């Protein structure tokens, strides 16, 4: 028997699970997230091992879903100083790199950029020849001032040669410095793709600390034989080396893990998912067992990006949400006691009225000491509950694609605050082990590769373009750690682009495979 260890770090709790090779849950724990995050991870690993008593030598895989990259961007901390090289002069001088970023994010990440000659038209023709000496000069100006490099080029997702030439020159001038190439990070849209690439480079140090810390934590607990993976935000895994190269793909992996876990636990492939934590409720959609991806540009820490992200609606409601009454009006959140729920909530002897206290008062949950909320007027508690459910119903309505009632899978430790009988919901499913669905989602994950490119059908047939895209997606999945013998194409999108000349078509392919043994 071999086992998988899954860990997921949330804003309130860090969850850990162990499942066997038949995907049976062997052990699970929920530990309050610590301020330094790593301590909570180590505690969760230690506790779940102690609780399950499995043979550590038989833990074959260890998976981590973490918020640390997201937090680094939001908090503007621990980010690399990035040198930005944009290949697109003179056409792109009118809009400088990071022009729409918040000032504090620019200062935290980069004030060093150079725009050099080169780039492509949409059909692959050069806008201008690349000038290698110009790039060398641009790189030398950044020497000693930056810790990573981000390279973007006009229409580099059509042709990537100019970005690769620039990367070679950077390595020749600066040595083994981390480099992000925009055609590998995101898709169409120069500014959005460039923003995602810069953020990816800014996270290189954080990624190394996270991956090394997780590995060291496993070794400290005697887990010596496990293959280590991190969760990415499409519901699949990536290897440590892939994570260090593309740390931006871990952003928003927490809600994604919960969606994958919800599908696995409920055995439902298409549904709405309510993931209720201590601070927020994340509402997502399962489509064929994977999260529905957002079709819109996504704001990450104030920067507009276009890399792959799950379609998630977050509302300020969770188990630790603070409840107030002001001049007879009930106010629900959006602030929360977060990971201090067991200190601050009334049922745990604290002095703050939370959503958990309301659920206990209405006999919806047995947590803490219920006598500590007996003084709360039941009519008031019911009014609070009505307001909370209204928030959830409105959120579900925004995420649905039709007016028909839809099934809802409820997961997350804060799920106790949801009552039955939500409007426009056909049924509420509370699967076993729903409080640790996020960690289960990380433990059961497969490995994926996504390839997206714009093709001109004047120079290649549609079938040839599809075949080429599928082959590239499979290659990316293998690089990320998938077994070459167990890869399937799970999603293909081909969209004709009428506004482009040359009979253009955008193709996006996703390949998913089992972990390579």
Protein backbone atom coordinates (compact mmCIF):
# COMPACT_ATOMS: atom_id res chain seq x y z
CA UNK A 1 0.00 0.00 0.00
CA UNK A 2 1.30 3.47 -0.93
CA UNK A 3 -0.03 6.80 0.31
CA UNK A 4 -0.44 10.43 -0.70
CA UNK A 5 -0.06 13.38 1.67
CA UNK A 6 -2.05 16.51 0.75
CA UNK A 7 -1.63 19.87 2.49
CA UNK A 8 -3.60 23.05 1.82
CA UNK A 9 -2.91 26.41 3.47
CA UNK A 10 -5.88 28.74 3.95
CA UNK A 11 -6.23 32.12 5.58
CA UNK A 12 -7.73 30.56 8.71
CA UNK A 13 -6.71 26.89 8.76
CA UNK A 14 -4.02 24.63 7.33
CA UNK A 15 -5.44 21.22 6.46
CA UNK A 16 -3.58 17.96 5.89
CA UNK A 17 -4.87 14.58 4.72
CA UNK A 18 -3.41 11.18 3.92
CA UNK A 19 -5.14 8.98 1.34
CA UNK A 20 -4.22 5.51 0.14
CA UNK A 21 -3.68 4.32 -3.43
CA UNK A 22 -7.40 3.60 -3.78
CA UNK A 23 -8.15 7.21 -2.74
CA UNK A 24 -9.60 6.23 0.64
CA UNK A 25 -9.15 8.85 3.37
CA UNK A 26 -6.79 7.48 6.03
CA UNK A 27 -6.37 10.56 8.22
CA UNK A 28 -7.12 14.27 8.29
CA UNK A 29 -6.37 17.28 10.52
CA UNK A 30 -7.21 20.97 10.59
CA UNK A 31 -4.60 23.24 12.25
CA UNK A 32 -4.89 27.03 12.66
CA UNK A 33 -2.71 28.78 10.09
CA UNK A 34 0.27 30.45 11.73
CA UNK A 35 1.56 33.93 10.94
CA UNK A 36 4.73 32.54 9.36
CA UNK A 37 2.68 29.88 7.48
CA UNK A 38 5.53 27.33 7.54
CA UNK A 39 5.04 26.47 11.21
CA UNK A 40 1.39 25.64 10.56
CA UNK A 41 2.38 23.41 7.63
CA UNK A 42 4.90 21.51 9.77
CA UNK A 43 2.38 21.11 12.59
CA UNK A 44 -0.27 19.81 10.19
CA UNK A 45 2.12 17.26 8.67
CA UNK A 46 3.30 16.07 12.09
CA UNK A 47 -0.23 15.77 13.47
CA UNK A 48 -1.73 13.89 10.51
CA UNK A 49 1.18 11.43 10.54
CA UNK A 50 0.75 10.89 14.26
CA UNK A 51 -3.00 10.44 13.87
CA UNK A 52 -2.91 8.06 10.90
CA UNK A 53 0.10 5.99 12.01
CA UNK A 54 0.98 5.11 8.40
CA UNK A 55 4.43 3.87 7.43
CA UNK A 56 6.28 7.06 6.40
CA UNK A 57 8.40 5.07 3.96
CA UNK A 58 5.23 4.29 1.99
CA UNK A 59 4.22 7.91 1.41
CA UNK A 60 4.92 8.12 -2.30
CA UNK A 61 3.57 11.61 -3.08
CA UNK A 62 3.33 14.86 -1.14
CA UNK A 63 1.28 17.79 -2.48
CA UNK A 64 1.08 21.37 -1.21
CA UNK A 65 -1.48 24.04 -2.02
CA UNK A 66 -0.28 27.34 -0.63
CA UNK A 67 -1.30 30.99 -0.49
CA UNK A 68 2.27 32.26 -0.02
CA UNK A 69 2.74 33.52 -3.59
CA UNK A 70 -0.64 35.25 -3.50
CA UNK A 71 0.17 36.80 -0.11
CA UNK A 72 3.56 38.04 -1.31
CA UNK A 73 1.90 40.01 -4.13
CA UNK A 74 -0.97 41.33 -2.00
CA UNK A 75 1.32 42.33 0.89
CA UNK A 76 4.16 43.58 -1.40
CA UNK A 77 6.66 41.52 0.61
CA UNK A 78 9.51 39.13 -0.25
CA UNK A 79 9.30 39.97 -3.97
CA UNK A 80 12.29 39.94 -6.32
CA UNK A 81 13.43 43.13 -7.99
CA UNK A 82 12.68 42.49 -11.66
CA UNK A 83 14.32 43.88 -14.78
CA UNK A 84 11.82 44.15 -17.65
CA UNK A 85 12.82 43.86 -21.30
CA UNK A 86 10.04 44.54 -23.79
CA UNK A 87 10.76 43.69 -27.42
CA UNK A 88 8.57 46.04 -29.43
CA UNK A 89 10.31 49.34 -30.23
CA UNK A 90 9.27 51.76 -31.59
CA UNK A 91 5.65 50.58 -31.77
CA UNK A 92 5.02 50.21 -28.03
CA UNK A 93 6.72 53.28 -26.50
CA UNK A 94 3.37 55.04 -26.01
CA UNK A 95 2.46 52.65 -23.17
CA UNK A 96 5.27 51.87 -20.75
CA UNK A 97 5.55 48.60 -18.83
CA UNK A 98 3.57 48.55 -15.54
CA UNK A 99 1.87 51.84 -16.43
CA UNK A 100 -1.41 50.77 -14.82
CA UNK A 101 0.10 49.18 -11.68
CA UNK A 102 -0.41 50.58 -8.18
CA UNK A 103 2.59 52.70 -7.23
CA UNK A 104 3.50 50.57 -4.20
CA UNK A 105 3.54 47.39 -6.33
CA UNK A 106 5.85 49.02 -8.88
CA UNK A 107 8.26 50.05 -6.10
CA UNK A 108 8.16 46.55 -4.62
CA UNK A 109 8.80 44.81 -7.94
CA UNK A 110 10.56 46.95 -10.51
CA UNK A 111 11.48 50.39 -11.71
CA UNK A 112 13.98 49.04 -14.27
CA UNK A 113 12.76 48.44 -17.79
CA UNK A 114 14.04 48.77 -21.34
CA UNK A 115 12.08 48.73 -24.63
CA UNK A 116 14.15 47.36 -27.53
CA UNK A 117 13.63 46.79 -31.26
CA UNK A 118 11.88 43.64 -32.50
CA UNK A 119 8.53 41.89 -32.20
CA UNK A 120 6.04 40.36 -34.60
CA UNK A 121 2.81 40.98 -36.46
CA UNK A 122 -0.05 38.60 -35.65
CA UNK A 123 0.87 36.41 -38.63
CA UNK A 124 4.49 36.00 -37.54
CA UNK A 125 6.12 38.65 -39.75
CA UNK A 126 8.77 40.73 -37.99
CA UNK A 127 7.84 44.28 -37.03
CA UNK A 128 11.56 44.98 -36.94
CA UNK A 129 14.72 42.84 -36.79
CA UNK A 130 16.03 42.20 -33.31
CA UNK A 131 19.23 44.07 -32.37
CA UNK A 132 21.40 41.86 -30.15
CA UNK A 133 23.81 44.66 -29.22
CA UNK A 134 20.91 46.87 -28.15
CA UNK A 135 19.69 44.08 -25.86
CA UNK A 136 23.20 43.64 -24.39
CA UNK A 137 23.29 47.33 -23.60
CA UNK A 138 19.85 47.18 -21.98
CA UNK A 139 20.85 44.19 -19.85
CA UNK A 140 24.09 45.81 -18.69
CA UNK A 141 22.13 48.80 -17.38
CA UNK A 142 20.26 46.40 -15.05
CA UNK A 143 23.32 44.54 -13.76
CA UNK A 144 23.48 44.60 -9.96
CA UNK A 145 20.06 46.24 -9.68
CA UNK A 146 17.74 43.26 -10.33
CA UNK A 147 17.31 39.69 -9.08
CA UNK A 148 15.22 38.31 -11.97
CA UNK A 149 14.36 39.22 -15.55
CA UNK A 150 11.00 39.32 -17.36
CA UNK A 151 11.03 39.34 -21.17
CA UNK A 152 7.95 40.20 -23.24
CA UNK A 153 7.55 40.59 -26.97
CA UNK A 154 4.74 41.70 -29.25
CA UNK A 155 2.81 38.59 -30.43
CA UNK A 156 5.38 36.25 -28.86
CA UNK A 157 2.72 33.57 -28.51
CA UNK A 158 2.79 33.39 -32.32
CA UNK A 159 6.58 33.33 -32.60
CA UNK A 160 8.95 33.10 -29.65
CA UNK A 161 12.38 33.43 -31.32
CA UNK A 162 12.97 37.04 -30.25
CA UNK A 163 12.23 36.23 -26.60
CA UNK A 164 14.57 33.24 -26.72
CA UNK A 165 17.36 35.30 -28.27
CA UNK A 166 16.94 37.91 -25.55
CA UNK A 167 17.03 35.19 -22.86
CA UNK A 168 20.28 33.81 -24.27
CA UNK A 169 21.85 37.27 -24.15
CA UNK A 170 20.66 37.81 -20.57
CA UNK A 171 22.32 34.55 -19.51
CA UNK A 172 25.54 35.52 -21.31
CA UNK A 173 25.63 38.90 -19.55
CA UNK A 174 24.20 38.11 -16.09
CA UNK A 175 24.82 34.40 -15.68
CA UNK A 176 22.27 32.06 -14.13
CA UNK A 177 19.63 34.69 -13.24
CA UNK A 178 15.95 33.61 -13.17
CA UNK A 179 14.17 34.54 -16.43
CA UNK A 180 10.47 34.52 -17.34
CA UNK A 181 9.42 34.51 -21.01
CA UNK A 182 5.95 35.88 -21.69
CA UNK A 183 4.99 33.27 -24.32
CA UNK A 184 5.43 30.58 -21.63
CA UNK A 185 3.41 32.40 -18.96
CA UNK A 186 0.25 33.86 -20.53
CA UNK A 187 -1.65 34.37 -23.76
CA UNK A 188 -2.88 37.15 -26.05
CA UNK A 189 -2.71 40.80 -24.99
CA UNK A 190 0.74 42.37 -24.66
CA UNK A 191 0.16 44.36 -21.47
CA UNK A 192 -1.73 41.63 -19.60
CA UNK A 193 0.79 38.98 -20.71
CA UNK A 194 3.68 41.24 -19.75
CA UNK A 195 2.15 41.94 -16.33
CA UNK A 196 1.76 38.22 -15.61
CA UNK A 197 5.36 37.63 -16.70
CA UNK A 198 6.73 40.37 -14.44
CA UNK A 199 4.75 39.04 -11.47
CA UNK A 200 6.02 35.53 -12.23
CA UNK A 201 9.62 36.76 -12.09
CA UNK A 202 8.92 38.67 -8.87
CA UNK A 203 7.89 35.41 -7.16
CA UNK A 204 11.07 33.45 -7.87
CA UNK A 205 12.48 33.86 -4.34
CA UNK A 206 9.16 33.05 -2.70
CA UNK A 207 8.83 29.89 -4.80
CA UNK A 208 12.28 28.69 -3.73
CA UNK A 209 11.55 29.32 -0.06
CA UNK A 210 8.17 27.56 -0.27
CA UNK A 211 9.40 24.49 -2.15
CA UNK A 212 12.59 24.11 -0.11
CA UNK A 213 10.65 24.62 3.13
CA UNK A 214 8.07 21.98 2.23
CA UNK A 215 10.78 19.49 1.27
CA UNK A 216 12.71 20.15 4.48
CA UNK A 217 9.53 19.79 6.53
CA UNK A 218 8.86 16.39 4.98
CA UNK A 219 12.42 15.25 5.63
CA UNK A 220 12.20 16.46 9.23
CA UNK A 221 9.17 14.22 9.72
CA UNK A 222 10.94 11.24 8.21
CA UNK A 223 9.22 11.32 4.80
CA UNK A 224 12.24 10.58 2.64
CA UNK A 225 10.84 8.86 -0.44
CA UNK A 226 7.99 11.15 -1.50
CA UNK A 227 7.78 12.88 -4.87
CA UNK A 228 6.97 16.53 -4.07
CA UNK A 229 4.42 18.57 -6.04
CA UNK A 230 2.68 21.91 -5.69
CA UNK A 231 -0.89 22.68 -6.70
CA UNK A 232 -1.60 25.05 -9.56
CA UNK A 233 -4.77 26.99 -10.14
CA UNK A 234 -6.34 24.76 -12.78
CA UNK A 235 -6.83 21.90 -10.30
CA UNK A 236 -3.71 19.97 -11.25
CA UNK A 237 -0.14 19.61 -9.98
CA UNK A 238 3.29 20.71 -11.04
CA UNK A 239 6.75 19.50 -10.06
CA UNK A 240 9.06 21.50 -7.80
CA UNK A 241 11.26 22.56 -10.73
CA UNK A 242 8.19 23.66 -12.72
CA UNK A 243 6.92 25.59 -9.69
CA UNK A 244 10.21 27.44 -9.37
CA UNK A 245 9.91 28.45 -13.03
CA UNK A 246 6.19 29.35 -12.99
CA UNK A 247 5.25 30.31 -9.39
CA UNK A 248 2.46 32.59 -10.67
CA UNK A 249 0.44 29.44 -11.45
CA UNK A 250 -0.03 28.80 -7.72
CA UNK A 251 -2.10 31.98 -7.33
CA UNK A 252 -5.73 31.06 -6.44
CA UNK A 253 -4.94 27.34 -6.08
CA UNK A 254 -6.79 27.21 -2.72
CA UNK A 255 -10.33 27.61 -4.10
CA UNK A 256 -9.37 25.32 -6.97
CA UNK A 257 -8.32 22.54 -4.58
CA UNK A 258 -11.67 22.86 -2.83
CA UNK A 259 -13.55 22.54 -6.13
CA UNK A 260 -11.58 19.43 -7.08
CA UNK A 261 -12.10 18.00 -3.60
CA UNK A 262 -15.81 18.78 -3.74
CA UNK A 263 -16.17 16.92 -7.03
CA UNK A 264 -14.23 13.93 -5.74
CA UNK A 265 -16.11 13.66 -2.43
CA UNK A 266 -19.57 14.20 -3.93
CA UNK A 267 -18.96 12.12 -7.10
CA UNK A 268 -20.57 14.99 -9.04
CA UNK A 269 -18.89 16.32 -12.19
CA UNK A 270 -21.01 19.44 -12.77
CA UNK A 271 -22.28 21.67 -9.94
CA UNK A 272 -21.88 24.91 -8.01
CA UNK A 273 -19.33 24.69 -5.17
CA UNK A 274 -19.53 26.70 -1.95
CA UNK A 275 -16.16 26.69 -0.20
CA UNK A 276 -16.71 28.40 3.14
CA UNK A 277 -13.65 29.11 5.22
CA UNK A 278 -13.11 31.25 8.25
CA UNK A 279 -12.87 34.53 6.36
CA UNK A 280 -14.48 34.21 2.93
CA UNK A 281 -16.87 32.12 0.87
CA UNK A 282 -15.47 31.18 -2.53
CA UNK A 283 -18.13 30.25 -5.07
CA UNK A 284 -16.95 28.26 -8.08
CA UNK A 285 -18.26 25.89 -10.70
CA UNK A 286 -17.32 22.28 -11.41
CA UNK A 287 -17.26 21.49 -15.14
CA UNK A 288 -16.37 17.88 -15.89
CA UNK A 289 -14.71 17.56 -12.46
CA UNK A 290 -12.43 20.58 -13.01
CA UNK A 291 -12.90 24.26 -12.11
CA UNK A 292 -14.48 26.48 -14.74
CA UNK A 293 -11.81 28.89 -15.93
CA UNK A 294 -12.37 32.63 -16.06
CA UNK A 295 -12.73 34.07 -19.55
CA UNK A 296 -11.83 37.58 -18.42
CA UNK A 297 -8.58 39.32 -17.56
CA UNK A 298 -7.88 38.93 -13.86
CA UNK A 299 -6.63 41.46 -11.35
CA UNK A 300 -3.74 40.11 -9.25
CA UNK A 301 -2.64 42.50 -6.53
CA UNK A 302 -3.73 45.47 -8.63
CA UNK A 303 -2.08 44.31 -11.88
CA UNK A 304 -4.30 43.25 -14.79
CA UNK A 305 -3.21 39.83 -16.12
CA UNK A 306 -4.44 37.20 -18.57
CA UNK A 307 -2.90 33.95 -17.40
CA UNK A 308 -5.11 30.98 -16.61
CA UNK A 309 -7.28 31.52 -13.50
CA UNK A 310 -10.32 29.74 -12.04
CA UNK A 311 -13.66 31.54 -12.26
CA UNK A 312 -14.23 32.32 -8.58
CA UNK A 313 -16.53 34.78 -6.81
CA UNK A 314 -15.32 35.57 -3.28
CA UNK A 315 -17.66 37.16 -0.74
CA UNK A 316 -16.79 38.36 2.76
CA UNK A 317 -18.59 35.64 4.69
CA UNK A 318 -17.05 32.80 6.68
CA UNK A 319 -17.17 31.04 10.02
CA UNK A 320 -15.17 33.84 11.63
CA UNK A 321 -17.11 36.74 10.06
CA UNK A 322 -17.88 39.40 12.67
CA UNK A 323 -21.55 40.24 13.26
CA UNK A 324 -22.57 43.69 14.46
CA UNK A 325 -25.80 45.58 15.12
CA UNK A 326 -25.69 49.30 14.45
CA UNK A 327 -28.82 51.42 15.10
CA UNK A 328 -31.02 48.38 14.64
CA UNK A 329 -29.32 47.35 11.39
CA UNK A 330 -27.46 44.07 11.12
CA UNK A 331 -24.00 44.23 9.58
CA UNK A 332 -22.35 40.99 8.43
CA UNK A 333 -18.57 41.37 8.02
CA UNK A 334 -16.71 41.74 5.80
CA UNK A 335 -14.02 41.60 8.50
CA UNK A 336 -13.30 38.32 10.28
CA UNK A 337 -11.46 37.02 13.32
CA UNK A 338 -9.77 34.63 10.86
CA UNK A 339 -7.39 32.09 12.37
CA UNK A 340 -8.16 33.47 15.85
CA UNK A 341 -11.67 31.99 15.75
CA UNK A 342 -10.94 29.66 18.67
CA UNK A 343 -9.81 32.64 20.74
CA UNK A 344 -12.25 35.38 19.74
CA UNK A 345 -15.59 33.64 19.07
CA UNK A 346 -18.16 33.65 21.90
CA UNK A 347 -18.56 29.87 21.95
CA UNK A 348 -14.84 29.56 22.65
CA UNK A 349 -14.89 32.10 25.48
CA UNK A 350 -14.02 35.15 23.41
CA UNK A 351 -15.76 38.52 23.18
CA UNK A 352 -16.62 38.76 19.46
CA UNK A 353 -19.92 37.71 17.90
CA UNK A 354 -19.23 35.64 14.79
CA UNK A 355 -21.19 33.71 12.16
CA UNK A 356 -20.20 30.50 13.97
CA UNK A 357 -21.87 31.76 17.15
CA UNK A 358 -25.09 32.39 15.19
CA UNK A 359 -25.02 28.85 13.77
CA UNK A 360 -24.54 27.38 17.25
CA UNK A 361 -27.35 29.53 18.70
CA UNK A 362 -29.71 28.22 16.02
CA UNK A 363 -28.73 24.61 16.81
CA UNK A 364 -27.12 24.18 13.38
CA UNK A 365 -23.76 23.11 14.84
CA UNK A 366 -22.24 21.73 18.00
CA UNK A 367 -19.01 23.63 18.45
CA UNK A 368 -17.46 25.04 21.61
CA UNK A 369 -19.71 25.83 24.57
CA UNK A 370 -23.26 26.54 23.37
CA UNK A 371 -24.23 27.98 26.76
CA UNK A 372 -22.05 31.01 26.00
CA UNK A 373 -24.50 32.12 23.27
CA UNK A 374 -27.76 31.40 25.12
CA UNK A 375 -28.14 35.12 25.79
CA UNK A 376 -28.43 35.92 22.03
CA UNK A 377 -32.04 36.61 21.06
CA UNK A 378 -33.19 33.85 18.72
CA UNK A 379 -35.17 36.25 16.52
CA UNK A 380 -32.03 38.35 16.08
CA UNK A 381 -30.00 35.23 15.29
CA UNK A 382 -32.56 34.22 12.67
CA UNK A 383 -32.41 37.68 11.07
CA UNK A 384 -28.62 37.41 10.88
CA UNK A 385 -28.91 33.97 9.30
CA UNK A 386 -31.41 35.31 6.73
CA UNK A 387 -28.95 38.05 5.77
CA UNK A 388 -26.06 35.61 5.45
CA UNK A 389 -28.09 33.26 3.29
CA UNK A 390 -29.17 36.17 1.10
CA UNK A 391 -25.48 36.96 0.47
CA UNK A 392 -24.83 33.35 -0.53
CA UNK A 393 -27.93 33.14 -2.76
CA UNK A 394 -26.93 36.30 -4.61
CA UNK A 395 -23.43 34.91 -5.11
CA UNK A 396 -24.75 31.61 -6.48
CA UNK A 397 -27.06 33.49 -8.83
CA UNK A 398 -24.10 35.44 -10.26
CA UNK A 399 -22.14 32.25 -10.98
CA UNK A 400 -24.95 30.24 -12.60
CA UNK A 401 -25.21 30.08 -16.39
CA UNK A 402 -28.98 29.47 -16.43
CA UNK A 403 -32.05 30.19 -14.32
CA UNK A 404 -32.60 26.49 -13.62
CA UNK A 405 -32.00 25.31 -10.01
CA UNK A 406 -28.52 23.80 -9.70
CA UNK A 407 -26.99 21.35 -7.22
CA UNK A 408 -24.61 22.88 -4.69
CA UNK A 409 -21.71 21.03 -3.08
CA UNK A 410 -20.83 22.51 0.30
CA UNK A 411 -17.24 22.21 1.55
CA UNK A 412 -14.90 23.99 3.94
CA UNK A 413 -14.84 24.20 7.71
CA UNK A 414 -17.21 27.17 7.68
CA UNK A 415 -19.93 25.10 5.97
CA UNK A 416 -21.75 24.80 9.29
CA UNK A 417 -23.16 28.31 8.83
CA UNK A 418 -25.27 27.31 5.79
CA UNK A 419 -28.84 26.18 6.32
CA UNK A 420 -30.93 24.03 4.00
CA UNK A 421 -33.44 25.51 1.57
CA UNK A 422 -31.42 28.02 -0.47
CA UNK A 423 -33.28 29.65 -3.35
CA UNK A 424 -32.55 28.47 -6.92
CA UNK A 425 -30.71 25.43 -5.53
CA UNK A 426 -31.96 21.93 -6.39
CA UNK A 427 -30.10 20.28 -3.49
CA UNK A 428 -27.30 20.95 -1.03
CA UNK A 429 -24.76 18.15 -0.83
CA UNK A 430 -22.60 17.93 2.30
CA UNK A 431 -20.16 15.12 1.53
CA UNK A 432 -18.24 13.24 4.20
CA UNK A 433 -14.97 14.94 5.17
CA UNK A 434 -16.21 18.22 3.63
CA UNK A 435 -14.19 20.39 6.09
CA UNK A 436 -10.90 19.18 4.53
CA UNK A 437 -12.02 19.07 0.88
CA UNK A 438 -9.24 21.49 -0.08
CA UNK A 439 -6.46 19.19 1.18
CA UNK A 440 -8.19 16.21 -0.45
CA UNK A 441 -8.31 18.18 -3.70
CA UNK A 442 -4.54 18.65 -3.53
CA UNK A 443 -3.92 14.97 -2.71
CA UNK A 444 -5.96 13.53 -5.59
CA UNK A 445 -4.72 15.91 -8.27
CA UNK A 446 -3.28 14.96 -11.64
CA UNK A 447 -0.76 16.85 -13.76
CA UNK A 448 -1.70 19.09 -16.67
CA UNK A 449 -0.33 21.10 -19.54
CA UNK A 450 -2.13 23.93 -21.36
CA UNK A 451 -1.11 25.28 -24.77
CA UNK A 452 -2.64 28.31 -26.45
CA UNK A 453 -1.71 29.89 -29.77
CA UNK A 454 -3.06 32.02 -32.60
CA UNK A 455 -2.80 30.34 -36.02
CA UNK A 456 -3.28 31.69 -39.55
CA UNK A 457 -5.28 29.14 -41.54
CA UNK A 458 -3.83 30.62 -44.71
CA UNK A 459 -0.55 28.83 -43.90
CA UNK A 460 -1.74 25.78 -41.96
CA UNK A 461 -4.94 23.71 -41.95
CA UNK A 462 -7.24 23.63 -38.94
CA UNK A 463 -6.57 19.92 -38.38
CA UNK A 464 -2.81 20.47 -38.50
CA UNK A 465 -3.11 23.37 -36.04
CA UNK A 466 -5.18 21.23 -33.65
CA UNK A 467 -2.72 18.34 -33.88
CA UNK A 468 0.24 20.63 -33.24
CA UNK A 469 -1.52 22.23 -30.25
CA UNK A 470 -2.36 18.84 -28.71
CA UNK A 471 1.25 17.70 -29.08
CA UNK A 472 2.52 20.88 -27.41
CA UNK A 473 0.02 20.54 -24.53
CA UNK A 474 1.19 16.97 -23.93
CA UNK A 475 4.84 18.11 -23.91
CA UNK A 476 4.03 20.78 -21.32
CA UNK A 477 2.22 18.21 -19.14
CA UNK A 478 5.23 15.88 -19.27
CA UNK A 479 7.53 18.75 -18.28
CA UNK A 480 5.24 19.43 -15.32
CA UNK A 481 5.59 15.82 -14.10
CA UNK A 482 2.97 13.75 -15.93
CA UNK A 483 3.49 10.13 -16.95
CA UNK A 484 3.90 10.17 -20.78
CA UNK A 485 1.92 6.92 -20.99
CA UNK A 486 -1.16 8.23 -19.15
CA UNK A 487 -2.09 11.59 -20.70
CA UNK A 488 -5.49 12.55 -22.11
CA UNK A 489 -6.67 15.67 -23.92
CA UNK A 490 -9.53 16.95 -21.73
CA UNK A 491 -10.38 20.29 -23.30
CA UNK A 492 -10.06 21.84 -26.76
CA UNK A 493 -11.18 25.34 -27.72
CA UNK A 494 -10.86 26.75 -31.24
CA UNK A 495 -12.27 30.20 -31.83
CA UNK A 496 -12.25 31.90 -35.28
CA UNK A 497 -11.13 35.54 -34.97
CA UNK A 498 -13.10 37.55 -37.51
CA UNK A 499 -11.35 40.81 -36.63
CA UNK A 500 -7.93 39.43 -37.61
CA UNK A 501 -6.86 39.25 -41.26
CA UNK A 502 -5.48 36.02 -42.68
CA UNK A 503 -8.26 33.65 -41.57
CA UNK A 504 -6.99 33.53 -37.97
CA UNK A 505 -8.02 31.04 -35.30
CA UNK A 506 -7.20 30.87 -31.59
CA UNK A 507 -6.65 27.34 -30.27
CA UNK A 508 -6.36 26.32 -26.62
CA UNK A 509 -5.74 22.72 -25.57
CA UNK A 510 -5.46 21.17 -22.11
CA UNK A 511 -3.83 17.79 -21.47
CA UNK A 512 -4.09 15.96 -18.13
CA UNK A 513 -2.12 12.93 -16.98
CA UNK A 514 -1.43 10.79 -13.95
CA UNK A 515 1.63 11.38 -11.83
CA UNK A 516 4.84 9.97 -13.24
CA UNK A 517 6.05 7.14 -10.99
